[in-house]
Amino acid sequence: MTHYFLGADLGGTKTHVMVADQTGKVIGFGESGPGNHEAVGYAGFKRNLHEAVDLALLGAGIDRQKIAGSGFGIAGYDWPIETEPMMRVIRTLKLAGKVGLVNDVELGLLVGSPRGWGVTVVSGTGCNCRGWDESRQHFGRVTGGGIEFGEYAGASELMYRVTRAMAYHWTGRGPATSLSQAFVERFGMKDLEDLLQNLICRKIEFSAGDAPLAFQVAARGDAVAIEIVRWAGRELGEMAKTVIHQLQFEEIDFDLVQIGSMFDGSPLLSEELKKVVLAAAPKAKFIRSKEPPVIGAVLLGMQAAELSINDAVHLKLIETTPQLKNHKGEG
């Protein structure tokens, strides 16, 4: 008898859902809009989850009552008080089988670490860091609250630093930077004063999607842009170091998985992160996960159903997952 498992990765920009059988063969996939309730509310979370699940089940050609286990990795799921509201939405899917529910950051560790434990750092639209030990009895985390709580270095936070650098350029408080001309041209402004005026008067706004331009300016050698990228890497390193200390990993060999589109922006980001981490935990092994986090969600569903997962299942999931555009964006 064939058993089927469903995994859902709900991020700040998209929702991915996959259905696979017990061998790891992917037989259905669905994609829809953002799943982070902090951005789209619980109504948007429910709407986009239902749309992606319906598409995945339709592609798989199976009834939802045939799902033996399902896993959900949800951006913005940071606190126990959010569990019941999210489970109320998940129950409306009327899926059979047991359910696993985690913050979407944890999917990166499930899919990226061959050992299935360690620390994962995400830097996409936002940023986050979590981890657990080999026994999966001890967990570490940051707040997941972003810039307001002193956790920087997603694309959104990077753009705050870019904006500040251009303001300092215009006022003379800081050095001149090629970021200014690059963003003047991007937004079709007359000059830097015109750009700042439109930003401050809310005629235009920067978004996480503008971060790649900052990386391009850094790659051309602009000292201010380079320092912003290095700052982001150090901040991610500090987040990782916090979780490492919580888990007492300083003297052990463990996996540190990096996920998210920001890591594709510049090697400087990982370079600075590694400096900070290795100073605190010299045996850390760094893994840049290239696989879609939704694979981790399917694995979570399998774990919820107490399916024994071996390397062959993991490899089959990777081999049969469709090519997903923008799959590395998180948070």
Protein backbone atom coordinates (compact mmCIF):
# COMPACT_ATOMS: atom_id res chain seq x y z
CA MET A 1 0.00 0.00 0.00
CA THR A 2 1.36 3.40 -1.02
CA HIS A 3 1.52 6.17 1.59
CA TYR A 4 1.57 9.85 0.69
CA PHE A 5 3.02 12.85 2.48
CA LEU A 6 2.51 16.58 2.07
CA GLY A 7 4.91 19.40 2.86
CA ALA A 8 4.24 23.15 2.84
CA ASP A 9 6.79 25.97 2.95
CA LEU A 10 5.04 29.28 3.65
CA GLY A 11 7.37 32.26 3.29
CA GLY A 12 7.24 36.00 3.05
CA THR A 13 6.97 36.00 -0.75
CA LYS A 14 5.48 32.62 -1.71
CA THR A 15 3.92 29.34 -0.62
CA HIS A 16 5.23 26.03 -1.96
CA VAL A 17 3.43 22.70 -1.37
CA MET A 18 4.62 19.26 -2.46
CA VAL A 19 3.19 15.76 -2.27
CA ALA A 20 5.44 12.69 -2.32
CA ASP A 21 5.09 8.97 -1.73
CA GLN A 22 6.99 6.98 0.89
CA THR A 23 9.94 6.41 -1.46
CA GLY A 24 10.45 10.17 -1.75
CA LYS A 25 9.11 10.47 -5.29
CA VAL A 26 7.42 13.86 -5.74
CA ILE A 27 4.08 13.49 -7.51
CA GLY A 28 2.42 16.87 -6.97
CA PHE A 29 3.39 20.52 -6.58
CA GLY A 30 1.50 23.77 -5.97
CA GLU A 31 2.57 27.39 -5.63
CA SER A 32 0.72 30.49 -4.46
CA GLY A 33 1.27 33.82 -2.71
CA PRO A 34 2.84 34.71 0.67
CA GLY A 35 2.07 32.59 3.73
CA ASN A 36 3.47 34.78 6.50
CA HIS A 37 0.49 35.94 8.57
CA GLU A 38 2.46 38.98 9.71
CA ALA A 39 2.34 40.22 6.11
CA VAL A 40 -1.00 38.92 4.78
CA GLY A 41 -2.99 38.16 7.94
CA TYR A 42 -4.52 34.82 8.81
CA ALA A 43 -7.05 35.25 6.00
CA GLY A 44 -4.24 35.57 3.44
CA PHE A 45 -2.36 32.70 5.07
CA LYS A 46 -5.45 30.49 4.74
CA ARG A 47 -6.27 31.55 1.19
CA ASN A 48 -2.76 30.98 -0.18
CA LEU A 49 -2.27 27.72 1.70
CA HIS A 50 -5.54 26.29 0.37
CA GLU A 51 -4.67 27.35 -3.18
CA ALA A 52 -1.23 25.70 -3.13
CA VAL A 53 -2.49 22.53 -1.41
CA ASP A 54 -5.35 22.16 -3.90
CA LEU A 55 -2.91 22.50 -6.81
CA ALA A 56 -0.49 19.97 -5.32
CA LEU A 57 -3.22 17.40 -4.67
CA LEU A 58 -4.68 17.93 -8.12
CA GLY A 59 -1.28 17.30 -9.68
CA ALA A 60 -0.77 14.22 -7.51
CA GLY A 61 -4.19 12.89 -8.44
CA ILE A 62 -4.98 11.78 -4.89
CA ASP A 63 -7.60 12.59 -2.28
CA ARG A 64 -6.59 14.57 0.82
CA GLN A 65 -7.70 11.64 2.98
CA LYS A 66 -4.78 9.64 1.60
CA ILE A 67 -2.19 11.90 3.22
CA ALA A 68 -0.44 9.93 5.96
CA GLY A 69 1.48 12.89 7.37
CA SER A 70 1.98 16.57 6.61
CA GLY A 71 4.62 19.11 7.57
CA PHE A 72 4.27 22.89 7.64
CA GLY A 73 7.14 25.36 7.87
CA ILE A 74 5.66 28.82 8.35
CA ALA A 75 7.41 32.19 8.29
CA GLY A 76 6.28 34.30 11.22
CA TYR A 77 5.53 31.29 13.40
CA ASP A 78 7.73 32.30 16.30
CA TRP A 79 5.76 31.85 19.53
CA PRO A 80 3.51 29.23 21.19
CA ILE A 81 0.59 31.66 21.26
CA GLU A 82 0.49 31.39 17.46
CA THR A 83 0.20 27.59 17.39
CA GLU A 84 -3.57 27.26 17.82
CA PRO A 85 -4.54 29.97 15.30
CA MET A 86 -2.29 28.31 12.73
CA MET A 87 -3.59 24.84 13.51
CA ARG A 88 -7.15 26.10 13.08
CA VAL A 89 -6.25 27.12 9.54
CA ILE A 90 -4.39 23.85 8.86
CA ARG A 91 -7.37 21.81 10.09
CA THR A 92 -9.59 23.48 7.46
CA LEU A 93 -7.52 21.61 4.84
CA LYS A 94 -9.12 18.39 6.14
CA LEU A 95 -5.96 16.38 5.54
CA ALA A 96 -5.69 12.93 7.03
CA GLY A 97 -2.67 11.90 9.10
CA LYS A 98 -0.50 13.57 11.71
CA VAL A 99 0.83 17.11 11.41
CA GLY A 100 4.25 18.64 12.09
CA LEU A 101 4.46 22.42 12.50
CA VAL A 102 7.68 24.48 12.70
CA ASN A 103 9.06 27.88 11.84
CA ASP A 104 10.12 27.85 8.18
CA VAL A 105 13.76 28.41 9.17
CA GLU A 106 13.87 24.89 10.60
CA LEU A 107 13.11 23.42 7.18
CA GLY A 108 16.58 24.46 6.08
CA LEU A 109 18.19 22.32 8.75
CA LEU A 110 15.98 19.34 7.90
CA VAL A 111 16.91 19.43 4.23
CA GLY A 112 20.41 20.91 4.42
CA SER A 113 22.12 18.98 7.20
CA PRO A 114 23.05 15.36 6.40
CA ARG A 115 22.91 14.75 10.16
CA GLY A 116 19.55 16.46 10.64
CA TRP A 117 20.74 18.69 13.46
CA GLY A 118 22.88 21.75 14.11
CA VAL A 119 22.19 25.43 13.43
CA THR A 120 20.51 27.09 10.48
CA VAL A 121 20.79 30.75 9.50
CA VAL A 122 18.38 32.26 7.01
CA SER A 123 18.85 35.53 5.18
CA GLY A 124 16.23 36.27 2.55
CA THR A 125 13.57 38.96 2.76
CA GLY A 126 14.15 38.85 6.52
CA CYS A 127 16.51 36.89 8.75
CA ASN A 128 16.31 34.28 11.48
CA CYS A 129 18.36 31.61 13.23
CA ARG A 130 17.45 28.38 15.01
CA GLY A 131 18.98 25.04 15.92
CA TRP A 132 18.78 21.87 17.97
CA ASP A 133 21.13 19.20 19.26
CA GLU A 134 21.57 15.60 18.11
CA SER A 135 18.94 14.33 20.56
CA ARG A 136 16.49 17.00 19.40
CA GLN A 137 15.76 17.67 23.06
CA HIS A 138 17.53 21.01 23.33
CA PHE A 139 16.64 23.95 21.08
CA GLY A 140 18.16 27.36 20.44
CA ARG A 141 16.74 30.41 18.71
CA VAL A 142 16.67 34.17 18.34
CA THR A 143 13.42 36.13 18.64
CA GLY A 144 12.64 36.23 14.91
CA GLY A 145 11.41 39.77 15.49
CA GLY A 146 13.69 41.45 12.98
CA ILE A 147 15.15 44.93 13.14
CA GLU A 148 13.00 46.10 16.05
CA PHE A 149 14.58 43.41 18.20
CA GLY A 150 18.13 43.94 17.00
CA GLU A 151 18.19 41.06 14.50
CA TYR A 152 19.43 42.42 11.21
CA ALA A 153 20.74 41.25 7.88
CA GLY A 154 17.87 40.15 5.75
CA ALA A 155 17.38 42.06 2.49
CA SER A 156 14.92 44.43 4.17
CA GLU A 157 17.43 45.36 6.86
CA LEU A 158 20.21 45.70 4.30
CA MET A 159 18.13 48.32 2.52
CA TYR A 160 17.83 50.33 5.75
CA ARG A 161 21.61 50.54 5.82
CA VAL A 162 21.74 51.46 2.14
CA THR A 163 19.23 54.27 2.73
CA ARG A 164 21.22 55.58 5.67
CA ALA A 165 24.44 55.54 3.64
CA MET A 166 22.85 57.65 0.92
CA ALA A 167 21.42 60.09 3.46
CA TYR A 168 24.88 60.45 5.06
CA HIS A 169 26.36 61.02 1.60
CA TRP A 170 23.90 63.84 0.89
CA THR A 171 24.30 65.57 4.27
CA GLY A 172 28.07 65.11 4.44
CA ARG A 173 27.84 63.09 7.63
CA GLY A 174 29.44 60.13 5.85
CA PRO A 175 31.50 59.38 2.76
CA ALA A 176 30.30 59.58 -0.80
CA THR A 177 29.10 56.28 -2.24
CA SER A 178 28.26 54.94 -5.68
CA LEU A 179 25.08 53.53 -4.14
CA SER A 180 23.58 56.99 -4.53
CA GLN A 181 23.94 57.21 -8.31
CA ALA A 182 22.94 53.58 -8.75
CA PHE A 183 19.63 54.11 -6.96
CA VAL A 184 19.06 57.51 -8.58
CA GLU A 185 19.22 55.74 -11.93
CA ARG A 186 17.16 52.76 -10.75
CA PHE A 187 14.25 55.02 -9.77
CA GLY A 188 14.66 57.56 -12.56
CA MET A 189 15.35 60.51 -10.25
CA LYS A 190 17.19 63.71 -11.18
CA ASP A 191 19.78 63.45 -8.44
CA LEU A 192 20.31 62.23 -4.87
CA GLU A 193 18.30 65.08 -3.36
CA ASP A 194 15.38 64.18 -5.60
CA LEU A 195 15.68 60.52 -4.58
CA LEU A 196 15.70 61.30 -0.86
CA GLN A 197 12.82 63.74 -1.21
CA ASN A 198 10.67 61.10 -2.89
CA LEU A 199 11.62 58.50 -0.30
CA ILE A 200 10.87 60.73 2.67
CA CYS A 201 7.60 61.99 1.19
CA ARG A 202 6.57 58.39 0.46
CA LYS A 203 6.35 58.85 -3.29
CA ILE A 204 8.62 55.85 -3.74
CA GLU A 205 9.90 53.16 -1.39
CA PHE A 206 12.72 50.68 -1.28
CA SER A 207 12.00 46.99 -0.82
CA ALA A 208 13.89 43.79 -0.21
CA GLY A 209 13.87 43.29 -3.97
CA ASP A 210 16.28 46.22 -4.35
CA ALA A 211 19.04 44.51 -2.35
CA PRO A 212 20.71 42.89 -5.40
CA LEU A 213 21.63 46.38 -6.68
CA ALA A 214 23.53 47.03 -3.45
CA PHE A 215 25.47 43.80 -4.01
CA GLN A 216 26.26 44.88 -7.58
CA VAL A 217 27.66 48.19 -6.35
CA ALA A 218 29.76 46.34 -3.76
CA ALA A 219 31.10 44.03 -6.48
CA ARG A 220 32.27 47.11 -8.40
CA GLY A 221 34.46 48.07 -5.43
CA ASP A 222 32.47 50.79 -3.64
CA ALA A 223 33.87 50.91 -0.09
CA VAL A 224 30.57 51.91 1.55
CA ALA A 225 28.61 49.14 -0.16
CA ILE A 226 31.30 46.59 0.69
CA GLU A 227 31.15 47.55 4.36
CA ILE A 228 27.34 47.24 4.37
CA VAL A 229 27.61 43.70 3.01
CA ARG A 230 30.31 42.84 5.53
CA TRP A 231 28.16 44.31 8.30
CA ALA A 232 25.29 42.06 7.25
CA GLY A 233 27.55 39.01 7.39
CA ARG A 234 28.77 39.93 10.86
CA GLU A 235 25.21 40.39 12.07
CA LEU A 236 24.24 36.96 10.77
CA GLY A 237 27.31 35.56 12.48
CA GLU A 238 26.27 37.12 15.78
CA MET A 239 22.82 35.55 15.48
CA ALA A 240 24.40 32.16 14.81
CA LYS A 241 26.82 32.61 17.70
CA THR A 242 23.89 33.33 20.02
CA VAL A 243 22.23 30.02 19.15
CA ILE A 244 25.56 28.18 19.34
CA HIS A 245 26.02 29.43 22.90
CA GLN A 246 22.47 28.44 23.84
CA LEU A 247 23.12 24.90 22.62
CA GLN A 248 26.67 24.75 24.03
CA PHE A 249 28.10 23.81 20.63
CA GLU A 250 31.34 25.75 21.12
CA GLU A 251 33.58 22.67 21.31
CA ILE A 252 31.74 20.18 19.10
CA ASP A 253 31.50 19.32 15.42
CA PHE A 254 28.11 20.42 14.05
CA ASP A 255 26.48 21.56 10.80
CA LEU A 256 25.69 25.22 10.20
CA VAL A 257 23.28 25.48 7.28
CA GLN A 258 22.92 28.75 5.37
CA ILE A 259 19.68 29.31 3.46
CA GLY A 260 18.16 32.28 1.70
CA SER A 261 18.74 34.38 -1.41
CA MET A 262 21.02 36.91 0.34
CA PHE A 263 23.82 34.35 0.41
CA ASP A 264 23.85 34.43 -3.38
CA GLY A 265 24.45 38.20 -3.38
CA SER A 266 28.12 38.24 -2.41
CA PRO A 267 30.73 35.83 -1.02
CA LEU A 268 31.56 38.55 1.51
CA LEU A 269 28.36 37.74 3.40
CA SER A 270 29.42 34.16 4.15
CA GLU A 271 33.01 35.22 4.67
CA GLU A 272 32.11 37.55 7.53
CA LEU A 273 29.59 35.11 9.03
CA LYS A 274 32.25 32.39 9.12
CA LYS A 275 34.77 34.66 10.84
CA VAL A 276 32.36 35.36 13.67
CA VAL A 277 31.21 31.75 14.03
CA LEU A 278 34.66 30.12 13.85
CA ALA A 279 35.99 32.42 16.55
CA ALA A 280 33.35 30.95 18.88
CA ALA A 281 32.96 27.42 17.47
CA PRO A 282 36.01 26.33 15.44
CA LYS A 283 34.57 22.89 14.54
CA ALA A 284 31.47 24.25 12.79
CA LYS A 285 30.90 22.79 9.31
CA PHE A 286 29.30 25.24 6.88
CA ILE A 287 26.71 24.07 4.37
CA ARG A 288 25.10 26.31 1.77
CA SER A 289 21.78 24.57 1.16
CA LYS A 290 20.75 24.77 -2.47
CA GLU A 291 17.62 22.64 -2.17
CA PRO A 292 14.10 24.10 -1.85
CA PRO A 293 13.03 24.22 1.83
CA VAL A 294 9.72 22.56 0.88
CA ILE A 295 11.70 19.31 0.76
CA GLY A 296 12.25 19.76 4.49
CA ALA A 297 8.51 20.21 4.95
CA VAL A 298 7.84 16.84 3.28
CA LEU A 299 10.47 15.25 5.53
CA LEU A 300 8.74 16.84 8.51
CA GLY A 301 5.46 15.27 7.40
CA MET A 302 7.17 11.90 7.14
CA GLN A 303 8.60 12.33 10.63
CA ALA A 304 5.17 13.26 11.97
CA ALA A 305 3.86 9.96 10.58
CA GLU A 306 6.83 8.14 12.11
CA LEU A 307 8.08 6.95 8.73
CA SER A 308 11.66 5.69 8.81
CA ILE A 309 13.60 8.05 6.52
CA ASN A 310 16.86 6.91 4.93
CA ASP A 311 19.31 8.55 2.54
CA ALA A 312 17.55 7.04 -0.46
CA VAL A 313 14.28 8.77 0.44
CA HIS A 314 16.07 12.08 0.93
CA LEU A 315 17.89 11.75 -2.40
CA LYS A 316 14.70 10.78 -4.26
CA LEU A 317 12.97 13.91 -2.94
CA ILE A 318 15.81 16.06 -4.22
CA GLU A 319 15.92 14.31 -7.61
CA THR A 320 12.17 14.54 -8.27
CA THR A 321 11.46 18.04 -6.89
CA PRO A 322 10.55 20.40 -9.73
CA GLN A 323 12.81 23.31 -10.52
CA LEU A 324 11.45 26.13 -8.39
CA LYS A 325 12.13 29.76 -9.23
CA ASN A 326 13.18 31.97 -6.32
CA HIS A 327 13.11 28.96 -4.00
CA LYS A 328 15.96 30.32 -1.89
CA GLY A 329 14.14 33.42 -0.75
CA GLU A 330 13.08 33.09 2.92
CA GLY A 331 11.71 34.92 5.82
